[in-house]
Amino acid sequence: MSDRSDRIAGVLLGQGVGDALGSPYEFRAPPARGQARFGRGTFGHAPAQYTDDTEEACMVAMGRSEPLKVAAGLLR
């Protein structure tokens, strides 16, 4: 992969991990520093499962190369 592709992949991976870790705390008070744990998400996501936020971020990242596919994915 190119340096740019590596950076894009790293951003999306980091965003997905943060999203999965934060899912149990969405719309709730954050955990004490150092106490965050993977668990069942606010909307029933399995532990360590990312949310639609990550799916949408991936769609937007594809936007430059396949805009019609992105639009269809976001609507879905």
PDB file of N, CA and C in Angstrom:
ATOM      1  N   MET A   1       0.841  -1.185   0.000  1.00  0.00           N
ATOM      2  CA  MET A   1       0.000   0.000   0.000  1.00  0.00           C
ATOM      3  C   MET A   1       0.881   1.242   0.000  1.00  0.00           C
ATOM      4  N   SER A   2       0.316   2.312  -0.451  1.00  0.00           N
ATOM      5  CA  SER A   2       1.041   3.581  -0.434  1.00  0.00           C
ATOM      6  C   SER A   2       1.004   4.171   0.968  1.00  0.00           C
ATOM      7  N   ASP A   3       1.856   5.161   1.195  1.00  0.00           N
ATOM      8  CA  ASP A   3       1.843   5.832   2.498  1.00  0.00           C
ATOM      9  C   ASP A   3       0.464   6.407   2.800  1.00  0.00           C
ATOM     10  N   ARG A   4      -0.159   7.005   1.792  1.00  0.00           N
ATOM     11  CA  ARG A   4      -1.497   7.581   1.978  1.00  0.00           C
ATOM     12  C   ARG A   4      -2.508   6.496   2.350  1.00  0.00           C
ATOM     13  N   SER A   5      -2.478   5.379   1.648  1.00  0.00           N
ATOM     14  CA  SER A   5      -3.398   4.276   1.942  1.00  0.00           C
ATOM     15  C   SER A   5      -3.162   3.721   3.338  1.00  0.00           C
ATOM     16  N   ASP A   6      -1.903   3.620   3.731  1.00  0.00           N
ATOM     17  CA  ASP A   6      -1.577   3.154   5.084  1.00  0.00           C
ATOM     18  C   ASP A   6      -2.150   4.092   6.139  1.00  0.00           C
ATOM     19  N   ARG A   7      -2.031   5.390   5.903  1.00  0.00           N
ATOM     20  CA  ARG A   7      -2.561   6.369   6.862  1.00  0.00           C
ATOM     21  C   ARG A   7      -4.083   6.293   6.936  1.00  0.00           C
ATOM     22  N   ILE A   8      -4.724   6.164   5.784  1.00  0.00           N
ATOM     23  CA  ILE A   8      -6.186   6.054   5.770  1.00  0.00           C
ATOM     24  C   ILE A   8      -6.624   4.799   6.519  1.00  0.00           C
ATOM     25  N   ALA A   9      -5.970   3.680   6.255  1.00  0.00           N
ATOM     26  CA  ALA A   9      -6.305   2.429   6.947  1.00  0.00           C
ATOM     27  C   ALA A   9      -6.093   2.568   8.450  1.00  0.00           C
ATOM     28  N   GLY A  10      -5.010   3.219   8.852  1.00  0.00           N
ATOM     29  CA  GLY A  10      -4.738   3.422  10.272  1.00  0.00           C
ATOM     30  C   GLY A  10      -5.779   4.286  10.952  1.00  0.00           C
ATOM     31  N   VAL A  11      -6.199   5.338  10.272  1.00  0.00           N
ATOM     32  CA  VAL A  11      -7.244   6.212  10.825  1.00  0.00           C
ATOM     33  C   VAL A  11      -8.540   5.433  11.015  1.00  0.00           C
ATOM     34  N   LEU A  12      -8.933   4.669   9.997  1.00  0.00           N
ATOM     35  CA  LEU A  12     -10.187   3.918  10.093  1.00  0.00           C
ATOM     36  C   LEU A  12     -10.107   2.826  11.159  1.00  0.00           C
ATOM     37  N   LEU A  13      -8.966   2.174  11.264  1.00  0.00           N
ATOM     38  CA  LEU A  13      -8.788   1.153  12.297  1.00  0.00           C
ATOM     39  C   LEU A  13      -8.877   1.778  13.694  1.00  0.00           C
ATOM     40  N   GLY A  14      -8.169   2.875  13.898  1.00  0.00           N
ATOM     41  CA  GLY A  14      -8.215   3.554  15.190  1.00  0.00           C
ATOM     42  C   GLY A  14      -9.602   4.053  15.532  1.00  0.00           C
ATOM     43  N   GLN A  15     -10.300   4.573  14.532  1.00  0.00           N
ATOM     44  CA  GLN A  15     -11.666   5.055  14.750  1.00  0.00           C
ATOM     45  C   GLN A  15     -12.583   3.891  15.135  1.00  0.00           C
ATOM     46  N   GLY A  16     -12.424   2.753  14.461  1.00  0.00           N
ATOM     47  CA  GLY A  16     -13.255   1.587  14.770  1.00  0.00           C
ATOM     48  C   GLY A  16     -13.006   1.043  16.166  1.00  0.00           C
ATOM     49  N   VAL A  17     -11.752   0.994  16.580  1.00  0.00           N
ATOM     50  CA  VAL A  17     -11.426   0.517  17.928  1.00  0.00           C
ATOM     51  C   VAL A  17     -11.991   1.476  18.979  1.00  0.00           C
ATOM     52  N   GLY A  18     -11.808   2.778  18.752  1.00  0.00           N
ATOM     53  CA  GLY A  18     -12.359   3.759  19.691  1.00  0.00           C
ATOM     54  C   GLY A  18     -13.877   3.695  19.751  1.00  0.00           C
ATOM     55  N   ASP A  19     -14.502   3.486  18.607  1.00  0.00           N
ATOM     56  CA  ASP A  19     -15.954   3.374  18.545  1.00  0.00           C
ATOM     57  C   ASP A  19     -16.431   2.140  19.316  1.00  0.00           C
ATOM     58  N   ALA A  20     -15.768   1.012  19.114  1.00  0.00           N
ATOM     59  CA  ALA A  20     -16.149  -0.215  19.819  1.00  0.00           C
ATOM     60  C   ALA A  20     -15.934  -0.080  21.326  1.00  0.00           C
ATOM     61  N   LEU A  21     -14.844   0.549  21.716  1.00  0.00           N
ATOM     62  CA  LEU A  21     -14.571   0.735  23.146  1.00  0.00           C
ATOM     63  C   LEU A  21     -15.568   1.709  23.774  1.00  0.00           C
ATOM     64  N   GLY A  22     -15.992   2.717  23.022  1.00  0.00           N
ATOM     65  CA  GLY A  22     -16.911   3.711  23.551  1.00  0.00           C
ATOM     66  C   GLY A  22     -18.371   3.339  23.451  1.00  0.00           C
ATOM     67  N   SER A  23     -18.700   2.322  22.666  1.00  0.00           N
ATOM     68  CA  SER A  23     -20.098   1.950  22.448  1.00  0.00           C
ATOM     69  C   SER A  23     -20.881   1.708  23.743  1.00  0.00           C
ATOM     70  N   PRO A  24     -20.322   1.043  24.750  1.00  0.00           N
ATOM     71  CA  PRO A  24     -21.089   0.831  25.981  1.00  0.00           C
ATOM     72  C   PRO A  24     -21.382   2.127  26.747  1.00  0.00           C
ATOM     73  N   TYR A  25     -20.689   3.200  26.416  1.00  0.00           N
ATOM     74  CA  TYR A  25     -20.828   4.449  27.158  1.00  0.00           C
ATOM     75  C   TYR A  25     -21.549   5.533  26.363  1.00  0.00           C
ATOM     76  N   GLU A  26     -22.023   5.188  25.150  1.00  0.00           N
ATOM     77  CA  GLU A  26     -22.685   6.170  24.300  1.00  0.00           C
ATOM     78  C   GLU A  26     -23.936   6.697  25.012  1.00  0.00           C
ATOM     79  N   PHE A  27     -24.035   7.998  25.106  1.00  0.00           N
ATOM     80  CA  PHE A  27     -25.135   8.705  25.772  1.00  0.00           C
ATOM     81  C   PHE A  27     -25.163   8.459  27.283  1.00  0.00           C
ATOM     82  N   ARG A  28     -24.054   8.052  27.848  1.00  0.00           N
ATOM     83  CA  ARG A  28     -23.931   7.827  29.290  1.00  0.00           C
ATOM     84  C   ARG A  28     -22.689   8.548  29.787  1.00  0.00           C
ATOM     85  N   ALA A  29     -22.540   8.592  31.089  1.00  0.00           N
ATOM     86  CA  ALA A  29     -21.337   9.196  31.665  1.00  0.00           C
ATOM     87  C   ALA A  29     -20.122   8.346  31.298  1.00  0.00           C
ATOM     88  N   PRO A  30     -18.997   8.980  31.001  1.00  0.00           N
ATOM     89  CA  PRO A  30     -17.802   8.202  30.667  1.00  0.00           C
ATOM     90  C   PRO A  30     -17.264   7.476  31.895  1.00  0.00           C
ATOM     91  N   PRO A  31     -16.529   6.393  31.673  1.00  0.00           N
ATOM     92  CA  PRO A  31     -15.937   5.681  32.809  1.00  0.00           C
ATOM     93  C   PRO A  31     -14.794   6.499  33.403  1.00  0.00           C
ATOM     94  N   ALA A  32     -14.411   6.136  34.607  1.00  0.00           N
ATOM     95  CA  ALA A  32     -13.252   6.773  35.231  1.00  0.00           C
ATOM     96  C   ALA A  32     -12.020   6.473  34.389  1.00  0.00           C
ATOM     97  N   ARG A  33     -11.066   7.365  34.423  1.00  0.00           N
ATOM     98  CA  ARG A  33      -9.841   7.190  33.630  1.00  0.00           C
ATOM     99  C   ARG A  33      -9.220   5.812  33.891  1.00  0.00           C
ATOM    100  N   GLY A  34      -8.940   5.100  32.802  1.00  0.00           N
ATOM    101  CA  GLY A  34      -8.316   3.783  32.895  1.00  0.00           C
ATOM    102  C   GLY A  34      -9.286   2.651  33.189  1.00  0.00           C
ATOM    103  N   GLN A  35     -10.587   2.944  33.279  1.00  0.00           N
ATOM    104  CA  GLN A  35     -11.556   1.913  33.634  1.00  0.00           C
ATOM    105  C   GLN A  35     -12.441   1.459  32.473  1.00  0.00           C
ATOM    106  N   ALA A  36     -12.220   1.987  31.274  1.00  0.00           N
ATOM    107  CA  ALA A  36     -13.041   1.604  30.119  1.00  0.00           C
ATOM    108  C   ALA A  36     -12.805   0.132  29.793  1.00  0.00           C
ATOM    109  N   ARG A  37     -13.863  -0.572  29.516  1.00  0.00           N
ATOM    110  CA  ARG A  37     -13.790  -1.985  29.163  1.00  0.00           C
ATOM    111  C   ARG A  37     -14.748  -2.240  28.010  1.00  0.00           C
ATOM    112  N   PHE A  38     -14.408  -3.225  27.179  1.00  0.00           N
ATOM    113  CA  PHE A  38     -15.348  -3.643  26.153  1.00  0.00           C
ATOM    114  C   PHE A  38     -16.538  -4.297  26.841  1.00  0.00           C
ATOM    115  N   GLY A  39     -17.720  -3.971  26.416  1.00  0.00           N
ATOM    116  CA  GLY A  39     -18.934  -4.571  26.973  1.00  0.00           C
ATOM    117  C   GLY A  39     -20.069  -4.382  25.993  1.00  0.00           C
ATOM    118  N   ARG A  40     -21.249  -4.858  26.354  1.00  0.00           N
ATOM    119  CA  ARG A  40     -22.414  -4.723  25.477  1.00  0.00           C
ATOM    120  C   ARG A  40     -22.700  -3.253  25.249  1.00  0.00           C
ATOM    121  N   GLY A  41     -22.903  -2.881  23.983  1.00  0.00           N
ATOM    122  CA  GLY A  41     -23.125  -1.493  23.616  1.00  0.00           C
ATOM    123  C   GLY A  41     -24.476  -0.961  24.054  1.00  0.00           C
ATOM    124  N   THR A  42     -24.591   0.345  24.082  1.00  0.00           N
ATOM    125  CA  THR A  42     -25.824   1.017  24.482  1.00  0.00           C
ATOM    126  C   THR A  42     -27.027   0.508  23.693  1.00  0.00           C
ATOM    127  N   PHE A  43     -26.835   0.253  22.411  1.00  0.00           N
ATOM    128  CA  PHE A  43     -27.936  -0.187  21.561  1.00  0.00           C
ATOM    129  C   PHE A  43     -27.877  -1.682  21.272  1.00  0.00           C
ATOM    130  N   GLY A  44     -27.268  -2.461  22.181  1.00  0.00           N
ATOM    131  CA  GLY A  44     -27.241  -3.914  22.057  1.00  0.00           C
ATOM    132  C   GLY A  44     -26.116  -4.480  21.214  1.00  0.00           C
ATOM    133  N   HIS A  45     -25.145  -3.644  20.849  1.00  0.00           N
ATOM    134  CA  HIS A  45     -24.002  -4.160  20.091  1.00  0.00           C
ATOM    135  C   HIS A  45     -23.245  -5.169  20.955  1.00  0.00           C
ATOM    136  N   ALA A  46     -22.724  -6.192  20.316  1.00  0.00           N
ATOM    137  CA  ALA A  46     -21.917  -7.183  21.033  1.00  0.00           C
ATOM    138  C   ALA A  46     -20.648  -6.521  21.567  1.00  0.00           C
ATOM    139  N   PRO A  47     -20.058  -7.065  22.637  1.00  0.00           N
ATOM    140  CA  PRO A  47     -18.800  -6.509  23.132  1.00  0.00           C
ATOM    141  C   PRO A  47     -17.759  -6.433  22.020  1.00  0.00           C
ATOM    142  N   ALA A  48     -17.071  -5.313  21.942  1.00  0.00           N
ATOM    143  CA  ALA A  48     -16.014  -5.042  20.964  1.00  0.00           C
ATOM    144  C   ALA A  48     -16.533  -4.868  19.537  1.00  0.00           C
ATOM    145  N   GLN A  49     -17.836  -4.718  19.356  1.00  0.00           N
ATOM    146  CA  GLN A  49     -18.402  -4.476  18.024  1.00  0.00           C
ATOM    147  C   GLN A  49     -18.499  -2.981  17.783  1.00  0.00           C
ATOM    148  N   TYR A  50     -18.033  -2.537  16.614  1.00  0.00           N
ATOM    149  CA  TYR A  50     -18.157  -1.126  16.276  1.00  0.00           C
ATOM    150  C   TYR A  50     -19.609  -0.810  15.918  1.00  0.00           C
ATOM    151  N   THR A  51     -19.931   0.474  15.843  1.00  0.00           N
ATOM    152  CA  THR A  51     -21.301   0.906  15.577  1.00  0.00           C
ATOM    153  C   THR A  51     -21.440   1.424  14.150  1.00  0.00           C
ATOM    154  N   ASP A  52     -22.602   1.952  13.863  1.00  0.00           N
ATOM    155  CA  ASP A  52     -22.849   2.535  12.552  1.00  0.00           C
ATOM    156  C   ASP A  52     -21.947   3.733  12.287  1.00  0.00           C
ATOM    157  N   ASP A  53     -21.414   4.341  13.334  1.00  0.00           N
ATOM    158  CA  ASP A  53     -20.491   5.464  13.141  1.00  0.00           C
ATOM    159  C   ASP A  53     -19.268   5.027  12.327  1.00  0.00           C
ATOM    160  N   THR A  54     -18.738   3.844  12.637  1.00  0.00           N
ATOM    161  CA  THR A  54     -17.589   3.327  11.902  1.00  0.00           C
ATOM    162  C   THR A  54     -17.980   2.937  10.482  1.00  0.00           C
ATOM    163  N   GLU A  55     -19.147   2.330  10.329  1.00  0.00           N
ATOM    164  CA  GLU A  55     -19.609   1.971   8.996  1.00  0.00           C
ATOM    165  C   GLU A  55     -19.740   3.219   8.127  1.00  0.00           C
ATOM    166  N   GLU A  56     -20.283   4.287   8.684  1.00  0.00           N
ATOM    167  CA  GLU A  56     -20.436   5.531   7.938  1.00  0.00           C
ATOM    168  C   GLU A  56     -19.077   6.162   7.622  1.00  0.00           C
ATOM    169  N   ALA A  57     -18.132   6.093   8.545  1.00  0.00           N
ATOM    170  CA  ALA A  57     -16.794   6.639   8.301  1.00  0.00           C
ATOM    171  C   ALA A  57     -16.124   5.901   7.139  1.00  0.00           C
ATOM    172  N   CYS A  58     -16.302   4.592   7.071  1.00  0.00           N
ATOM    173  CA  CYS A  58     -15.733   3.816   5.963  1.00  0.00           C
ATOM    174  C   CYS A  58     -16.389   4.208   4.651  1.00  0.00           C
ATOM    175  N   MET A  59     -17.681   4.430   4.677  1.00  0.00           N
ATOM    176  CA  MET A  59     -18.390   4.856   3.465  1.00  0.00           C
ATOM    177  C   MET A  59     -17.878   6.214   2.979  1.00  0.00           C
ATOM    178  N   VAL A  60     -17.700   7.138   3.900  1.00  0.00           N
ATOM    179  CA  VAL A  60     -17.210   8.466   3.527  1.00  0.00           C
ATOM    180  C   VAL A  60     -15.796   8.370   2.962  1.00  0.00           C
ATOM    181  N   ALA A  61     -14.964   7.492   3.549  1.00  0.00           N
ATOM    182  CA  ALA A  61     -13.596   7.319   3.052  1.00  0.00           C
ATOM    183  C   ALA A  61     -13.582   6.791   1.620  1.00  0.00           C
ATOM    184  N   MET A  62     -14.576   6.020   1.251  1.00  0.00           N
ATOM    185  CA  MET A  62     -14.668   5.497  -0.117  1.00  0.00           C
ATOM    186  C   MET A  62     -15.224   6.540  -1.086  1.00  0.00           C
ATOM    187  N   GLY A  63     -15.749   7.615  -0.552  1.00  0.00           N
ATOM    188  CA  GLY A  63     -16.474   8.603  -1.333  1.00  0.00           C
ATOM    189  C   GLY A  63     -15.754   9.177  -2.526  1.00  0.00           C
ATOM    190  N   ARG A  64     -14.487   9.343  -2.442  1.00  0.00           N
ATOM    191  CA  ARG A  64     -13.748   9.955  -3.551  1.00  0.00           C
ATOM    192  C   ARG A  64     -13.672   9.038  -4.757  1.00  0.00           C
ATOM    193  N   SER A  65     -13.685   7.741  -4.538  1.00  0.00           N
ATOM    194  CA  SER A  65     -13.535   6.834  -5.668  1.00  0.00           C
ATOM    195  C   SER A  65     -14.864   6.265  -6.163  1.00  0.00           C
ATOM    196  N   GLU A  66     -15.839   6.127  -5.273  1.00  0.00           N
ATOM    197  CA  GLU A  66     -17.101   5.512  -5.665  1.00  0.00           C
ATOM    198  C   GLU A  66     -18.284   6.264  -5.049  1.00  0.00           C
ATOM    199  N   PRO A  67     -18.554   7.500  -5.472  1.00  0.00           N
ATOM    200  CA  PRO A  67     -19.589   8.300  -4.810  1.00  0.00           C
ATOM    201  C   PRO A  67     -20.993   7.702  -4.871  1.00  0.00           C
ATOM    202  N   LEU A  68     -21.370   7.050  -5.947  1.00  0.00           N
ATOM    203  CA  LEU A  68     -22.712   6.466  -6.023  1.00  0.00           C
ATOM    204  C   LEU A  68     -22.858   5.276  -5.073  1.00  0.00           C
ATOM    205  N   LYS A  69     -21.809   4.485  -4.941  1.00  0.00           N
ATOM    206  CA  LYS A  69     -21.825   3.359  -4.016  1.00  0.00           C
ATOM    207  C   LYS A  69     -21.910   3.857  -2.565  1.00  0.00           C
ATOM    208  N   VAL A  70     -21.215   4.931  -2.293  1.00  0.00           N
ATOM    209  CA  VAL A  70     -21.257   5.522  -0.950  1.00  0.00           C
ATOM    210  C   VAL A  70     -22.659   6.010  -0.634  1.00  0.00           C
ATOM    211  N   ALA A  71     -23.266   6.732  -1.560  1.00  0.00           N
ATOM    212  CA  ALA A  71     -24.614   7.255  -1.338  1.00  0.00           C
ATOM    213  C   ALA A  71     -25.590   6.106  -1.076  1.00  0.00           C
ATOM    214  N   ALA A  72     -25.493   5.041  -1.851  1.00  0.00           N
ATOM    215  CA  ALA A  72     -26.380   3.887  -1.652  1.00  0.00           C
ATOM    216  C   ALA A  72     -26.138   3.235  -0.295  1.00  0.00           C
ATOM    217  N   GLY A  73     -24.877   3.133   0.108  1.00  0.00           N
ATOM    218  CA  GLY A  73     -24.556   2.540   1.408  1.00  0.00           C
ATOM    219  C   GLY A  73     -25.059   3.368   2.572  1.00  0.00           C
ATOM    220  N   LEU A  74     -24.943   4.675   2.482  1.00  0.00           N
ATOM    221  CA  LEU A  74     -25.426   5.547   3.547  1.00  0.00           C
ATOM    222  C   LEU A  74     -26.955   5.485   3.650  1.00  0.00           C
ATOM    223  N   LEU A  75     -27.621   5.404   2.524  1.00  0.00           N
ATOM    224  CA  LEU A  75     -29.078   5.295   2.544  1.00  0.00           C
ATOM    225  C   LEU A  75     -29.532   3.948   3.101  1.00  0.00           C
ATOM    226  N   ARG A  76     -28.745   2.901   2.843  1.00  0.00           N
ATOM    227  CA  ARG A  76     -29.080   1.567   3.340  1.00  0.00           C
ATOM    228  C   ARG A  76     -28.972   1.553   4.835  1.00  0.00           C
TER     229      ARG A  76
END
